[in-house]
Amino acid sequence: MPSDGGSTPPASTKINNSTMFKDYEIPLLRRTLIRKIIRYRQVNINLEVKLVKANKNFLLKLIEEIPESQIEEVIDFILFLKHEQDKKLLSDLVFPSESSIDFWNNDIEDEVWNNV
């Protein structure tokens, strides 16, 4: 029996120290993993940028090929898309402000401000 009063674990539960990471190895592994994740994200961002550029170039090529009689339609459609984007942006801004206004819209606040 060990002198500290505890019992030794059965042989099947003993940890093999040769398979464990040393304390100084864990930060190194963490840094290596973080670097790989950052590199992966950078590659994805670069691919997205290239895809956007390719799509814009394709769009410009299509615009160059359309007959002049359809240019106004294309402009109207692009303006429509921009308008929809602006509406979404505005609604994204309005929603939080409405929820904060609801905080002040109550009988207690009304009564306090009525007496000021």
Protein backbone atom coordinates (compact mmCIF):
# COMPACT_ATOMS: atom_id res chain seq x y z
CA MET A 1 0.00 0.00 0.00
CA PRO A 2 1.18 3.56 -0.71
CA SER A 3 2.24 5.64 2.26
CA ASP A 4 -0.27 8.46 1.49
CA GLY A 5 -3.19 6.25 2.45
CA GLY A 6 -4.57 6.03 -1.10
CA SER A 7 -4.70 2.98 -3.25
CA THR A 8 -2.96 2.49 -6.55
CA PRO A 9 -5.25 2.49 -9.59
CA PRO A 10 -5.75 -0.79 -11.40
CA ALA A 11 -3.32 -1.41 -14.24
CA SER A 12 -6.05 -0.84 -16.86
CA THR A 13 -6.62 2.78 -15.71
CA LYS A 14 -2.96 3.85 -15.59
CA ILE A 15 -2.07 6.62 -18.03
CA ASN A 16 0.80 6.03 -20.37
CA ASN A 17 3.00 9.12 -20.03
CA SER A 18 4.63 8.54 -23.39
CA THR A 19 1.34 9.31 -25.22
CA MET A 20 0.53 12.49 -23.31
CA PHE A 21 1.63 15.92 -24.42
CA LYS A 22 4.18 17.71 -22.33
CA ASP A 23 3.12 21.02 -20.76
CA TYR A 24 5.32 23.04 -23.11
CA GLU A 25 3.91 21.24 -26.17
CA ILE A 26 0.28 22.30 -25.64
CA PRO A 27 0.78 26.03 -26.35
CA LEU A 28 2.84 25.09 -29.40
CA LEU A 29 0.05 22.84 -30.70
CA ARG A 30 -2.52 25.55 -29.98
CA ARG A 31 -0.46 28.15 -31.91
CA THR A 32 -0.03 25.72 -34.80
CA LEU A 33 -3.77 25.07 -34.92
CA ILE A 34 -4.57 28.80 -34.79
CA ARG A 35 -2.12 29.47 -37.62
CA LYS A 36 -3.76 26.77 -39.73
CA ILE A 37 -7.22 28.21 -39.07
CA ILE A 38 -6.04 31.72 -39.99
CA ARG A 39 -4.40 30.43 -43.17
CA TYR A 40 -7.61 28.55 -44.07
CA ARG A 41 -9.70 31.71 -43.57
CA GLN A 42 -7.27 33.79 -45.64
CA VAL A 43 -7.48 31.27 -48.49
CA ASN A 44 -11.28 31.36 -48.34
CA ILE A 45 -11.34 35.16 -48.34
CA ASN A 46 -8.98 35.23 -51.33
CA LEU A 47 -11.22 32.76 -53.18
CA GLU A 48 -14.31 34.86 -52.39
CA VAL A 49 -12.59 38.02 -53.65
CA LYS A 50 -11.60 36.25 -56.87
CA LEU A 51 -15.16 34.96 -57.32
CA VAL A 52 -16.63 38.44 -56.84
CA LYS A 53 -14.18 39.89 -59.35
CA ALA A 54 -15.00 37.14 -61.84
CA ASN A 55 -18.74 37.75 -61.40
CA LYS A 56 -18.30 41.50 -61.89
CA ASN A 57 -16.24 40.93 -65.02
CA PHE A 58 -18.89 38.55 -66.34
CA LEU A 59 -21.60 41.10 -65.61
CA LEU A 60 -19.66 43.84 -67.41
CA LYS A 61 -19.22 41.54 -70.40
CA LEU A 62 -22.97 40.85 -70.47
CA ILE A 63 -23.72 44.57 -70.25
CA GLU A 64 -21.42 45.24 -73.18
CA GLU A 65 -23.22 42.60 -75.26
CA ILE A 66 -26.83 43.70 -74.66
CA PRO A 67 -28.58 45.79 -77.29
CA GLU A 68 -28.84 49.49 -76.55
CA SER A 69 -32.60 49.21 -76.44
CA GLN A 70 -32.34 47.13 -73.24
CA ILE A 71 -29.87 49.34 -71.39
CA GLU A 72 -32.64 51.27 -69.64
CA GLU A 73 -34.16 48.01 -68.41
CA VAL A 74 -30.82 46.92 -66.99
CA ILE A 75 -30.38 50.29 -65.27
CA ASP A 76 -33.91 50.07 -63.83
CA PHE A 77 -33.24 46.58 -62.54
CA ILE A 78 -29.93 47.60 -60.93
CA LEU A 79 -31.61 50.60 -59.31
CA PHE A 80 -34.40 48.31 -58.07
CA LEU A 81 -31.80 46.01 -56.48
CA LYS A 82 -30.05 48.96 -54.84
CA HIS A 83 -33.39 50.24 -53.54
CA GLU A 84 -34.19 46.83 -52.04
CA GLN A 85 -30.78 46.76 -50.40
CA ASP A 86 -31.33 50.24 -48.97
CA LYS A 87 -34.76 49.25 -47.63
CA LYS A 88 -33.28 46.22 -45.87
CA LEU A 89 -30.51 48.33 -44.37
CA LEU A 90 -33.06 50.87 -43.16
CA SER A 91 -35.27 48.18 -41.63
CA ASP A 92 -32.22 46.68 -39.92
CA LEU A 93 -31.63 50.08 -38.33
CA VAL A 94 -35.25 50.84 -37.51
CA PHE A 95 -35.99 47.57 -35.69
CA PRO A 96 -33.50 48.12 -32.84
CA SER A 97 -34.61 51.71 -32.41
CA GLU A 98 -38.26 50.64 -32.20
CA SER A 99 -37.45 48.10 -29.52
CA SER A 100 -35.62 50.76 -27.51
CA ILE A 101 -38.56 53.15 -27.89
CA ASP A 102 -40.84 50.47 -26.45
CA PHE A 103 -38.78 50.61 -23.27
CA TRP A 104 -39.78 54.24 -22.72
CA ASN A 105 -43.37 53.83 -23.89
CA ASN A 106 -45.13 53.04 -20.61
CA ASP A 107 -47.55 54.64 -18.20
CA ILE A 108 -44.95 55.39 -15.51
CA GLU A 109 -42.71 57.34 -17.90
CA ASP A 110 -45.71 59.20 -19.30
CA GLU A 111 -46.81 60.21 -15.82
CA VAL A 112 -43.32 61.40 -14.83
CA TRP A 113 -42.90 63.47 -17.98
CA ASN A 114 -46.39 64.93 -17.71
CA ASN A 115 -45.43 66.48 -14.38
CA VAL A 116 -42.14 68.02 -15.53
